């Protein structure tokens, strides 16, 4: 699969070019689009597609590569539109679900499970809804819900007036505003050394997050951010896609779904998990005691991958 131009697949999807030094490929999609794809773990294992957080990219999955090898999982991730070299598209959750099926086609994957972390959670749901025959299980780790509906927003939150532009139909204005807002935030973050990027991103090292913040994981997390924040298009698109009106309905998802949330998570509180659990009929809510956002996402790879893999091997 790492040879150049491996040929046509379903829906005019194809692998384009050679793998880079970290195993990434460009996959061509209809409409002359490309997405940047990474594969790791056990090449002969059960496929699990990982939807990265916000802002982040495919290389965030490298944090789980060792667990994937241990658990016999072929771990696949790709940059959503606007991140890294992936072609930008209008904000949408459902379209990324369709893109995920196309990436699976290009890689010769028929049935698979999907795992979404933080801002990738809604896209994991969208993937399950895109084809409930091929997607056998869905997992959300600290997956964000429609946050303006869940908890009373802080009136001073700078995202609120931006999303009001999207509510009024001015998507381009909302995207421009999010790009401008993110520039001031992430230019300063990326100027920090690798060892400090992760601490700053998660608002400092908290006791509940310390276990996963090893020097190796901090380095990988920082490298992923530097790789994907070449522009702020993906960040802006994400914020409009899941911060505005959703174009998917989680209540229609029928495949087994796991909702993993930290009970001390301040970025995506457990109320998001409860909201999903109330709507997704075949869901299991698991609250991680004493855990914050980073730990919920990155400390439990073995547990999450084993749970999802089991649905494809039972």
C-alpha atoms as a PDB file:
ATOM      1  CA  UNK A   1       0.000   0.000   0.000  1.00  0.00           C
ATOM      2  CA  UNK A   2       3.010   2.290   0.265  1.00  0.00           C
ATOM      3  CA  UNK A   3       3.841   2.118  -3.444  1.00  0.00           C
ATOM      4  CA  UNK A   4       3.225   5.148  -5.610  1.00  0.00           C
ATOM      5  CA  UNK A   5      -0.104   5.445  -7.414  1.00  0.00           C
ATOM      6  CA  UNK A   6      -1.629   2.106  -6.438  1.00  0.00           C
ATOM      7  CA  UNK A   7      -4.547   2.603  -8.775  1.00  0.00           C
ATOM      8  CA  UNK A   8      -8.247   3.333  -8.791  1.00  0.00           C
ATOM      9  CA  UNK A   9     -10.472   2.314  -5.888  1.00  0.00           C
ATOM     10  CA  UNK A  10     -14.161   2.903  -5.283  1.00  0.00           C
ATOM     11  CA  UNK A  11     -15.491   6.414  -5.866  1.00  0.00           C
ATOM     12  CA  UNK A  12     -12.354   7.468  -7.773  1.00  0.00           C
ATOM     13  CA  UNK A  13     -10.326   7.284  -4.578  1.00  0.00           C
ATOM     14  CA  UNK A  14      -6.657   6.408  -4.844  1.00  0.00           C
ATOM     15  CA  UNK A  15      -3.369   6.524  -2.959  1.00  0.00           C
ATOM     16  CA  UNK A  16      -1.139   9.169  -4.447  1.00  0.00           C
ATOM     17  CA  UNK A  17       2.624   9.221  -3.959  1.00  0.00           C
ATOM     18  CA  UNK A  18       5.118   7.532  -1.674  1.00  0.00           C
ATOM     19  CA  UNK A  19       4.951   7.278   2.090  1.00  0.00           C
ATOM     20  CA  UNK A  20       6.973   9.914   3.932  1.00  0.00           C
ATOM     21  CA  UNK A  21       9.360   9.333   6.813  1.00  0.00           C
ATOM     22  CA  UNK A  22       6.530   8.840   9.317  1.00  0.00           C
ATOM     23  CA  UNK A  23       4.403   6.638   7.053  1.00  0.00           C
ATOM     24  CA  UNK A  24       2.055   9.335   5.748  1.00  0.00           C
ATOM     25  CA  UNK A  25       0.399   9.169   2.343  1.00  0.00           C
ATOM     26  CA  UNK A  26      -1.655  11.533   0.239  1.00  0.00           C
ATOM     27  CA  UNK A  27      -5.000   9.995  -0.708  1.00  0.00           C
ATOM     28  CA  UNK A  28      -6.850  11.526  -3.630  1.00  0.00           C
ATOM     29  CA  UNK A  29     -10.593  12.058  -3.313  1.00  0.00           C
ATOM     30  CA  UNK A  30     -13.251  13.054  -5.845  1.00  0.00           C
ATOM     31  CA  UNK A  31     -13.269  16.729  -6.749  1.00  0.00           C
ATOM     32  CA  UNK A  32      -9.488  16.886  -7.077  1.00  0.00           C
ATOM     33  CA  UNK A  33      -9.091  16.880  -3.289  1.00  0.00           C
ATOM     34  CA  UNK A  34      -6.431  15.178  -1.180  1.00  0.00           C
ATOM     35  CA  UNK A  35      -6.203  14.133   2.448  1.00  0.00           C
ATOM     36  CA  UNK A  36      -3.022  13.321   4.326  1.00  0.00           C
ATOM     37  CA  UNK A  37      -3.171   9.837   5.871  1.00  0.00           C
ATOM     38  CA  UNK A  38      -0.993   8.085   8.456  1.00  0.00           C
ATOM     39  CA  UNK A  39      -0.945   4.362   9.295  1.00  0.00           C
ATOM     40  CA  UNK A  40       0.713   2.641  12.218  1.00  0.00           C
ATOM     41  CA  UNK A  41       0.343  -0.152  14.748  1.00  0.00           C
ATOM     42  CA  UNK A  42      -0.098  -3.724  13.514  1.00  0.00           C
ATOM     43  CA  UNK A  43      -0.335  -3.700   9.696  1.00  0.00           C
ATOM     44  CA  UNK A  44      -2.200  -7.047   9.813  1.00  0.00           C
ATOM     45  CA  UNK A  45      -4.425  -6.024  12.702  1.00  0.00           C
ATOM     46  CA  UNK A  46      -8.063  -4.991  13.096  1.00  0.00           C
ATOM     47  CA  UNK A  47      -8.601  -1.540  11.518  1.00  0.00           C
ATOM     48  CA  UNK A  48      -9.442   1.396  13.779  1.00  0.00           C
ATOM     49  CA  UNK A  49      -9.681   4.895  12.304  1.00  0.00           C
ATOM     50  CA  UNK A  50      -8.712   7.664  14.722  1.00  0.00           C
ATOM     51  CA  UNK A  51     -10.184  11.166  14.415  1.00  0.00           C
ATOM     52  CA  UNK A  52      -7.754  13.626  15.944  1.00  0.00           C
ATOM     53  CA  UNK A  53      -8.599  16.502  18.275  1.00  0.00           C
ATOM     54  CA  UNK A  54      -8.806  20.242  17.609  1.00  0.00           C
ATOM     55  CA  UNK A  55      -6.395  21.638  16.636  1.00  0.00           C
ATOM     56  CA  UNK A  56      -4.320  18.613  15.737  1.00  0.00           C
ATOM     57  CA  UNK A  57      -3.711  16.162  12.934  1.00  0.00           C
ATOM     58  CA  UNK A  58      -3.056  12.600  11.896  1.00  0.00           C
ATOM     59  CA  UNK A  59       0.213  12.359  13.827  1.00  0.00           C
ATOM     60  CA  UNK A  60      -1.667  12.639  17.123  1.00  0.00           C
ATOM     61  CA  UNK A  61      -2.398   8.942  16.548  1.00  0.00           C
ATOM     62  CA  UNK A  62       1.308   8.202  17.085  1.00  0.00           C
ATOM     63  CA  UNK A  63       0.608   8.606  20.800  1.00  0.00           C
ATOM     64  CA  UNK A  64      -1.336   5.346  20.526  1.00  0.00           C
ATOM     65  CA  UNK A  65       0.920   3.452  18.139  1.00  0.00           C
ATOM     66  CA  UNK A  66       2.609   1.267  20.758  1.00  0.00           C
ATOM     67  CA  UNK A  67      -0.767   0.330  22.247  1.00  0.00           C
ATOM     68  CA  UNK A  68      -2.042  -0.467  18.755  1.00  0.00           C
ATOM     69  CA  UNK A  69       0.839  -2.892  18.215  1.00  0.00           C
ATOM     70  CA  UNK A  70       0.173  -4.541  21.558  1.00  0.00           C
ATOM     71  CA  UNK A  71      -3.543  -4.903  20.850  1.00  0.00           C
ATOM     72  CA  UNK A  72      -3.298  -6.071  17.232  1.00  0.00           C
ATOM     73  CA  UNK A  73      -4.823  -2.898  15.796  1.00  0.00           C
ATOM     74  CA  UNK A  74      -4.101  -1.324  12.429  1.00  0.00           C
ATOM     75  CA  UNK A  75      -4.346   2.339  13.413  1.00  0.00           C
ATOM     76  CA  UNK A  76      -5.269   4.816  10.674  1.00  0.00           C
ATOM     77  CA  UNK A  77      -5.675   8.566  10.933  1.00  0.00           C
ATOM     78  CA  UNK A  78      -5.940  11.430   8.477  1.00  0.00           C
ATOM     79  CA  UNK A  79      -5.832  15.193   8.581  1.00  0.00           C
ATOM     80  CA  UNK A  80      -9.309  16.632   8.326  1.00  0.00           C
ATOM     81  CA  UNK A  81      -9.887  19.295   5.661  1.00  0.00           C
ATOM     82  CA  UNK A  82      -7.765  22.392   6.187  1.00  0.00           C
ATOM     83  CA  UNK A  83      -5.125  20.711   8.362  1.00  0.00           C
ATOM     84  CA  UNK A  84      -1.641  20.177   6.960  1.00  0.00           C
ATOM     85  CA  UNK A  85      -1.825  19.221   3.279  1.00  0.00           C
ATOM     86  CA  UNK A  86      -5.488  18.141   3.324  1.00  0.00           C
ATOM     87  CA  UNK A  87      -7.677  20.211   1.013  1.00  0.00           C
ATOM     88  CA  UNK A  88      -9.990  22.584   2.846  1.00  0.00           C
ATOM     89  CA  UNK A  89     -13.764  22.192   2.412  1.00  0.00           C
ATOM     90  CA  UNK A  90     -16.847  23.975   3.809  1.00  0.00           C
ATOM     91  CA  UNK A  91     -17.625  23.231   7.481  1.00  0.00           C
ATOM     92  CA  UNK A  92     -19.502  19.942   7.920  1.00  0.00           C
ATOM     93  CA  UNK A  93     -19.419  16.897  10.161  1.00  0.00           C
ATOM     94  CA  UNK A  94     -21.201  14.593   7.710  1.00  0.00           C
ATOM     95  CA  UNK A  95     -18.728  15.285   4.887  1.00  0.00           C
ATOM     96  CA  UNK A  96     -15.824  14.052   7.020  1.00  0.00           C
ATOM     97  CA  UNK A  97     -17.784  10.886   7.728  1.00  0.00           C
ATOM     98  CA  UNK A  98     -18.012  10.355   3.972  1.00  0.00           C
ATOM     99  CA  UNK A  99     -14.304  11.155   3.577  1.00  0.00           C
ATOM    100  CA  UNK A 100     -13.487   8.496   6.161  1.00  0.00           C
ATOM    101  CA  UNK A 101     -15.255   5.844   4.109  1.00  0.00           C
ATOM    102  CA  UNK A 102     -13.335   7.011   1.052  1.00  0.00           C
ATOM    103  CA  UNK A 103     -10.014   6.750   2.886  1.00  0.00           C
ATOM    104  CA  UNK A 104     -10.969   3.235   3.998  1.00  0.00           C
ATOM    105  CA  UNK A 105     -11.725   2.389   0.369  1.00  0.00           C
ATOM    106  CA  UNK A 106      -8.311   3.641  -0.729  1.00  0.00           C
ATOM    107  CA  UNK A 107      -6.575   1.534   1.923  1.00  0.00           C
ATOM    108  CA  UNK A 108      -8.565  -1.593   1.100  1.00  0.00           C
ATOM    109  CA  UNK A 109     -10.465  -1.558   4.412  1.00  0.00           C
ATOM    110  CA  UNK A 110     -14.037  -2.875   4.436  1.00  0.00           C
ATOM    111  CA  UNK A 111     -15.189  -3.033   8.070  1.00  0.00           C
ATOM    112  CA  UNK A 112     -13.588  -1.002  10.841  1.00  0.00           C
ATOM    113  CA  UNK A 113     -14.093   0.776  14.156  1.00  0.00           C
ATOM    114  CA  UNK A 114     -13.658   4.495  14.718  1.00  0.00           C
ATOM    115  CA  UNK A 115     -12.321   6.488  17.677  1.00  0.00           C
ATOM    116  CA  UNK A 116     -12.656  10.251  18.052  1.00  0.00           C
ATOM    117  CA  UNK A 117     -10.725  12.345  20.579  1.00  0.00           C
ATOM    118  CA  UNK A 118     -12.026  15.690  21.843  1.00  0.00           C
ATOM    119  CA  UNK A 119     -12.879  17.763  18.728  1.00  0.00           C
ATOM    120  CA  UNK A 120     -12.671  14.546  16.709  1.00  0.00           C
ATOM    121  CA  UNK A 121     -15.600  13.031  18.605  1.00  0.00           C
ATOM    122  CA  UNK A 122     -18.371  14.469  16.431  1.00  0.00           C
ATOM    123  CA  UNK A 123     -16.537  13.224  13.328  1.00  0.00           C
ATOM    124  CA  UNK A 124     -16.381   9.713  14.766  1.00  0.00           C
ATOM    125  CA  UNK A 125     -20.163   9.843  15.161  1.00  0.00           C
ATOM    126  CA  UNK A 126     -20.504  11.167  11.612  1.00  0.00           C
ATOM    127  CA  UNK A 127     -18.426   8.235  10.353  1.00  0.00           C
ATOM    128  CA  UNK A 128     -20.637   5.722  12.128  1.00  0.00           C
ATOM    129  CA  UNK A 129     -23.724   7.373  10.690  1.00  0.00           C
ATOM    130  CA  UNK A 130     -22.222   7.370   7.183  1.00  0.00           C
ATOM    131  CA  UNK A 131     -22.369   3.555   6.976  1.00  0.00           C
ATOM    132  CA  UNK A 132     -23.629   1.561   9.946  1.00  0.00           C
ATOM    133  CA  UNK A 133     -22.796  -1.698   8.201  1.00  0.00           C
ATOM    134  CA  UNK A 134     -19.092  -1.017   7.668  1.00  0.00           C
ATOM    135  CA  UNK A 135     -18.508   0.896  10.905  1.00  0.00           C
ATOM    136  CA  UNK A 136     -18.866  -1.769  13.579  1.00  0.00           C
ATOM    137  CA  UNK A 137     -18.108   0.297  16.684  1.00  0.00           C
ATOM    138  CA  UNK A 138     -17.663   3.940  17.670  1.00  0.00           C
ATOM    139  CA  UNK A 139     -15.666   5.399  20.546  1.00  0.00           C
ATOM    140  CA  UNK A 140     -15.494   8.961  21.870  1.00  0.00           C
ATOM    141  CA  UNK A 141     -12.718  10.008  24.247  1.00  0.00           C
ATOM    142  CA  UNK A 142     -13.649  13.366  25.733  1.00  0.00           C
ATOM    143  CA  UNK A 143     -15.664  14.037  22.565  1.00  0.00           C
ATOM    144  CA  UNK A 144     -17.120  17.531  22.374  1.00  0.00           C
ATOM    145  CA  UNK A 145     -20.875  17.952  22.028  1.00  0.00           C
ATOM    146  CA  UNK A 146     -22.840  20.997  20.814  1.00  0.00           C
ATOM    147  CA  UNK A 147     -21.399  23.018  23.665  1.00  0.00           C
ATOM    148  CA  UNK A 148     -23.635  26.069  23.416  1.00  0.00           C
ATOM    149  CA  UNK A 149     -26.637  23.812  24.095  1.00  0.00           C
ATOM    150  CA  UNK A 150     -25.095  21.839  26.960  1.00  0.00           C
ATOM    151  CA  UNK A 151     -23.765  24.276  29.530  1.00  0.00           C
ATOM    152  CA  UNK A 152     -24.547  27.976  29.908  1.00  0.00           C
ATOM    153  CA  UNK A 153     -21.720  29.605  27.909  1.00  0.00           C
ATOM    154  CA  UNK A 154     -19.609  32.325  29.459  1.00  0.00           C
ATOM    155  CA  UNK A 155     -21.025  35.566  27.962  1.00  0.00           C
ATOM    156  CA  UNK A 156     -17.430  36.778  27.558  1.00  0.00           C
ATOM    157  CA  UNK A 157     -16.418  33.737  25.467  1.00  0.00           C
ATOM    158  CA  UNK A 158     -14.887  35.206  22.268  1.00  0.00           C
ATOM    159  CA  UNK A 159     -16.237  32.280  20.224  1.00  0.00           C
ATOM    160  CA  UNK A 160     -19.871  33.289  20.799  1.00  0.00           C
ATOM    161  CA  UNK A 161     -20.015  36.341  18.489  1.00  0.00           C
ATOM    162  CA  UNK A 162     -18.078  34.392  15.847  1.00  0.00           C
ATOM    163  CA  UNK A 163     -20.606  31.560  15.910  1.00  0.00           C
ATOM    164  CA  UNK A 164     -23.407  34.102  15.698  1.00  0.00           C
ATOM    165  CA  UNK A 165     -22.007  34.979  12.265  1.00  0.00           C
ATOM    166  CA  UNK A 166     -22.346  31.329  11.265  1.00  0.00           C
ATOM    167  CA  UNK A 167     -25.868  31.211  12.721  1.00  0.00           C
ATOM    168  CA  UNK A 168     -26.755  34.151  10.493  1.00  0.00           C
ATOM    169  CA  UNK A 169     -25.412  32.368   7.414  1.00  0.00           C
ATOM    170  CA  UNK A 170     -22.084  34.197   7.170  1.00  0.00           C
ATOM    171  CA  UNK A 171     -19.855  31.120   7.172  1.00  0.00           C
ATOM    172  CA  UNK A 172     -16.965  32.878   5.478  1.00  0.00           C
ATOM    173  CA  UNK A 173     -17.058  35.645   8.058  1.00  0.00           C
ATOM    174  CA  UNK A 174     -17.052  33.089  10.876  1.00  0.00           C
ATOM    175  CA  UNK A 175     -14.135  31.186   9.325  1.00  0.00           C
ATOM    176  CA  UNK A 176     -12.130  34.389   8.868  1.00  0.00           C
ATOM    177  CA  UNK A 177     -12.753  35.368  12.472  1.00  0.00           C
ATOM    178  CA  UNK A 178     -11.692  31.971  13.825  1.00  0.00           C
ATOM    179  CA  UNK A 179      -8.528  32.046  11.708  1.00  0.00           C
ATOM    180  CA  UNK A 180      -7.658  35.492  13.061  1.00  0.00           C
ATOM    181  CA  UNK A 181      -8.438  34.481  16.639  1.00  0.00           C
ATOM    182  CA  UNK A 182      -6.357  31.319  16.422  1.00  0.00           C
ATOM    183  CA  UNK A 183      -3.343  33.085  14.954  1.00  0.00           C
ATOM    184  CA  UNK A 184      -2.789  35.134  18.078  1.00  0.00           C
ATOM    185  CA  UNK A 185      -3.215  32.088  20.290  1.00  0.00           C
ATOM    186  CA  UNK A 186      -1.174  29.449  18.498  1.00  0.00           C
ATOM    187  CA  UNK A 187       1.716  31.534  17.175  1.00  0.00           C
ATOM    188  CA  UNK A 188       2.736  32.085  20.790  1.00  0.00           C
ATOM    189  CA  UNK A 189       2.141  28.433  21.670  1.00  0.00           C
ATOM    190  CA  UNK A 190       4.254  27.098  18.817  1.00  0.00           C
ATOM    191  CA  UNK A 191       7.099  29.441  19.739  1.00  0.00           C
ATOM    192  CA  UNK A 192       7.570  27.460  22.948  1.00  0.00           C
ATOM    193  CA  UNK A 193       9.990  24.504  23.146  1.00  0.00           C
ATOM    194  CA  UNK A 194       8.461  21.064  22.616  1.00  0.00           C
ATOM    195  CA  UNK A 195       8.574  20.266  26.317  1.00  0.00           C
ATOM    196  CA  UNK A 196       6.391  23.286  27.151  1.00  0.00           C
ATOM    197  CA  UNK A 197       3.849  23.115  24.311  1.00  0.00           C
ATOM    198  CA  UNK A 198       1.809  20.307  25.872  1.00  0.00           C
ATOM    199  CA  UNK A 199       1.757  21.877  29.338  1.00  0.00           C
ATOM    200  CA  UNK A 200       0.531  25.179  27.935  1.00  0.00           C
ATOM    201  CA  UNK A 201      -2.040  23.542  25.640  1.00  0.00           C
ATOM    202  CA  UNK A 202      -3.639  21.735  28.576  1.00  0.00           C
ATOM    203  CA  UNK A 203      -3.416  24.817  30.823  1.00  0.00           C
ATOM    204  CA  UNK A 204      -0.526  23.514  32.889  1.00  0.00           C
ATOM    205  CA  UNK A 205       0.355  20.107  34.288  1.00  0.00           C
ATOM    206  CA  UNK A 206      -2.357  18.914  36.674  1.00  0.00           C
ATOM    207  CA  UNK A 207      -1.942  15.917  38.912  1.00  0.00           C
ATOM    208  CA  UNK A 208      -4.667  14.032  37.047  1.00  0.00           C
ATOM    209  CA  UNK A 209      -2.856  14.536  33.731  1.00  0.00           C
ATOM    210  CA  UNK A 210       0.723  13.910  34.795  1.00  0.00           C
ATOM    211  CA  UNK A 211       0.880  10.164  34.021  1.00  0.00           C
ATOM    212  CA  UNK A 212       0.568  10.431  30.246  1.00  0.00           C
ATOM    213  CA  UNK A 213       2.760  13.539  29.928  1.00  0.00           C
ATOM    214  CA  UNK A 214       6.020  11.671  29.432  1.00  0.00           C
ATOM    215  CA  UNK A 215       8.874  13.402  27.567  1.00  0.00           C
ATOM    216  CA  UNK A 216       8.166  11.190  24.538  1.00  0.00           C
ATOM    217  CA  UNK A 217       4.465  12.019  24.464  1.00  0.00           C
ATOM    218  CA  UNK A 218       5.110  15.720  24.939  1.00  0.00           C
ATOM    219  CA  UNK A 219       7.497  15.648  21.989  1.00  0.00           C
ATOM    220  CA  UNK A 220       5.033  13.779  19.754  1.00  0.00           C
ATOM    221  CA  UNK A 221       2.170  16.072  20.739  1.00  0.00           C
ATOM    222  CA  UNK A 222       4.231  19.172  19.906  1.00  0.00           C
ATOM    223  CA  UNK A 223       5.464  17.724  16.603  1.00  0.00           C
ATOM    224  CA  UNK A 224       1.888  17.011  15.550  1.00  0.00           C
ATOM    225  CA  UNK A 225       0.771  20.580  16.315  1.00  0.00           C
ATOM    226  CA  UNK A 226       3.705  22.041  14.392  1.00  0.00           C
ATOM    227  CA  UNK A 227       2.944  19.782  11.442  1.00  0.00           C
ATOM    228  CA  UNK A 228      -0.771  20.545  11.184  1.00  0.00           C
ATOM    229  CA  UNK A 229      -0.897  24.234  12.105  1.00  0.00           C
ATOM    230  CA  UNK A 230       0.742  25.347   8.893  1.00  0.00           C
ATOM    231  CA  UNK A 231      -2.473  27.286   8.449  1.00  0.00           C
ATOM    232  CA  UNK A 232      -5.505  27.822  10.675  1.00  0.00           C
ATOM    233  CA  UNK A 233      -8.066  26.644   8.137  1.00  0.00           C
ATOM    234  CA  UNK A 234      -8.675  23.287   9.829  1.00  0.00           C
ATOM    235  CA  UNK A 235      -9.054  24.858  13.271  1.00  0.00           C
ATOM    236  CA  UNK A 236     -11.556  27.383  11.928  1.00  0.00           C
ATOM    237  CA  UNK A 237     -13.488  24.721  10.046  1.00  0.00           C
ATOM    238  CA  UNK A 238     -13.718  22.482  13.128  1.00  0.00           C
ATOM    239  CA  UNK A 239     -14.990  25.276  15.335  1.00  0.00           C
ATOM    240  CA  UNK A 240     -17.769  26.154  12.909  1.00  0.00           C
ATOM    241  CA  UNK A 241     -18.658  22.508  12.145  1.00  0.00           C
ATOM    242  CA  UNK A 242     -19.206  21.397  15.741  1.00  0.00           C
ATOM    243  CA  UNK A 243     -19.724  24.812  17.343  1.00  0.00           C
ATOM    244  CA  UNK A 244     -22.587  25.673  15.002  1.00  0.00           C
ATOM    245  CA  UNK A 245     -25.633  23.685  13.959  1.00  0.00           C
ATOM    246  CA  UNK A 246     -24.803  20.004  13.485  1.00  0.00           C
ATOM    247  CA  UNK A 247     -25.586  18.294  10.187  1.00  0.00           C
ATOM    248  CA  UNK A 248     -25.766  14.868  11.889  1.00  0.00           C
ATOM    249  CA  UNK A 249     -28.085  13.477  14.559  1.00  0.00           C
ATOM    250  CA  UNK A 250     -26.402  11.166  17.115  1.00  0.00           C
ATOM    251  CA  UNK A 251     -29.816   9.699  18.003  1.00  0.00           C
ATOM    252  CA  UNK A 252     -29.760   7.821  14.678  1.00  0.00           C
ATOM    253  CA  UNK A 253     -26.542   5.957  15.519  1.00  0.00           C
ATOM    254  CA  UNK A 254     -27.317   2.318  16.308  1.00  0.00           C
ATOM    255  CA  UNK A 255     -23.880   0.648  16.389  1.00  0.00           C
ATOM    256  CA  UNK A 256     -22.230  -0.022  19.776  1.00  0.00           C
ATOM    257  CA  UNK A 257     -20.803   3.267  21.033  1.00  0.00           C
ATOM    258  CA  UNK A 258     -18.510   3.944  23.991  1.00  0.00           C
ATOM    259  CA  UNK A 259     -18.319   7.338  25.647  1.00  0.00           C
ATOM    260  CA  UNK A 260     -15.149   7.836  27.703  1.00  0.00           C
ATOM    261  CA  UNK A 261     -15.043  11.042  29.749  1.00  0.00           C
ATOM    262  CA  UNK A 262     -12.935  12.302  32.652  1.00  0.00           C
ATOM    263  CA  UNK A 263     -14.857  13.393  35.715  1.00  0.00           C
ATOM    264  CA  UNK A 264     -12.342  16.233  36.297  1.00  0.00           C
ATOM    265  CA  UNK A 265     -12.217  17.335  32.649  1.00  0.00           C
ATOM    266  CA  UNK A 266     -12.552  21.102  32.410  1.00  0.00           C
ATOM    267  CA  UNK A 267     -12.184  21.323  28.623  1.00  0.00           C
ATOM    268  CA  UNK A 268     -14.982  18.866  27.759  1.00  0.00           C
ATOM    269  CA  UNK A 269     -16.898  18.179  30.991  1.00  0.00           C
ATOM    270  CA  UNK A 270     -18.795  14.949  31.712  1.00  0.00           C
ATOM    271  CA  UNK A 271     -22.044  16.737  30.828  1.00  0.00           C
ATOM    272  CA  UNK A 272     -21.087  16.193  27.183  1.00  0.00           C
ATOM    273  CA  UNK A 273     -20.857  12.450  27.748  1.00  0.00           C
ATOM    274  CA  UNK A 274     -24.218  12.399  29.499  1.00  0.00           C
ATOM    275  CA  UNK A 275     -25.781  14.353  26.619  1.00  0.00           C
ATOM    276  CA  UNK A 276     -24.536  11.742  24.157  1.00  0.00           C
ATOM    277  CA  UNK A 277     -25.576   8.846  26.402  1.00  0.00           C
ATOM    278  CA  UNK A 278     -29.123  10.233  26.598  1.00  0.00           C
ATOM    279  CA  UNK A 279     -29.388  10.255  22.794  1.00  0.00           C
ATOM    280  CA  UNK A 280     -27.378   7.333  21.430  1.00  0.00           C
ATOM    281  CA  UNK A 281     -29.435   4.181  22.047  1.00  0.00           C
ATOM    282  CA  UNK A 282     -26.625   1.588  22.087  1.00  0.00           C
ATOM    283  CA  UNK A 283     -24.104   3.593  24.097  1.00  0.00           C
ATOM    284  CA  UNK A 284     -22.030   2.966  27.211  1.00  0.00           C
ATOM    285  CA  UNK A 285     -20.846   5.927  29.291  1.00  0.00           C
ATOM    286  CA  UNK A 286     -17.603   5.438  31.226  1.00  0.00           C
ATOM    287  CA  UNK A 287     -16.409   8.180  33.591  1.00  0.00           C
ATOM    288  CA  UNK A 288     -12.691   8.081  34.318  1.00  0.00           C
ATOM    289  CA  UNK A 289     -12.334   8.912  38.047  1.00  0.00           C
ATOM    290  CA  UNK A 290      -9.882  11.669  38.854  1.00  0.00           C
ATOM    291  CA  UNK A 291      -8.974  12.284  35.211  1.00  0.00           C
ATOM    292  CA  UNK A 292      -8.819  15.464  33.172  1.00  0.00           C
ATOM    293  CA  UNK A 293      -8.921  16.009  29.428  1.00  0.00           C
ATOM    294  CA  UNK A 294      -5.438  14.895  28.438  1.00  0.00           C
ATOM    295  CA  UNK A 295      -5.562  11.727  30.524  1.00  0.00           C
ATOM    296  CA  UNK A 296      -8.972  10.813  29.159  1.00  0.00           C
ATOM    297  CA  UNK A 297      -7.652  11.092  25.610  1.00  0.00           C
ATOM    298  CA  UNK A 298      -4.200   9.577  25.890  1.00  0.00           C
ATOM    299  CA  UNK A 299      -3.808   7.451  29.019  1.00  0.00           C
ATOM    300  CA  UNK A 300      -6.239   4.666  28.062  1.00  0.00           C
ATOM    301  CA  UNK A 301      -5.238   3.663  24.536  1.00  0.00           C
ATOM    302  CA  UNK A 302      -4.989  -0.043  25.381  1.00  0.00           C
ATOM    303  CA  UNK A 303      -8.411  -0.126  26.994  1.00  0.00           C
ATOM    304  CA  UNK A 304     -10.127   1.813  24.207  1.00  0.00           C
ATOM    305  CA  UNK A 305      -8.504  -0.083  21.341  1.00  0.00           C
ATOM    306  CA  UNK A 306      -9.212  -3.438  22.973  1.00  0.00           C
ATOM    307  CA  UNK A 307     -12.871  -2.505  23.466  1.00  0.00           C
ATOM    308  CA  UNK A 308     -13.290  -1.401  19.853  1.00  0.00           C
ATOM    309  CA  UNK A 309     -11.299  -4.316  18.410  1.00  0.00           C
ATOM    310  CA  UNK A 310     -13.508  -6.782  20.249  1.00  0.00           C
ATOM    311  CA  UNK A 311     -16.533  -5.634  18.256  1.00  0.00           C
ATOM    312  CA  UNK A 312     -14.846  -6.668  14.993  1.00  0.00           C
ATOM    313  CA  UNK A 313     -13.556 -10.014  16.214  1.00  0.00           C
ATOM    314  CA  UNK A 314     -16.494 -11.364  18.224  1.00  0.00           C
END
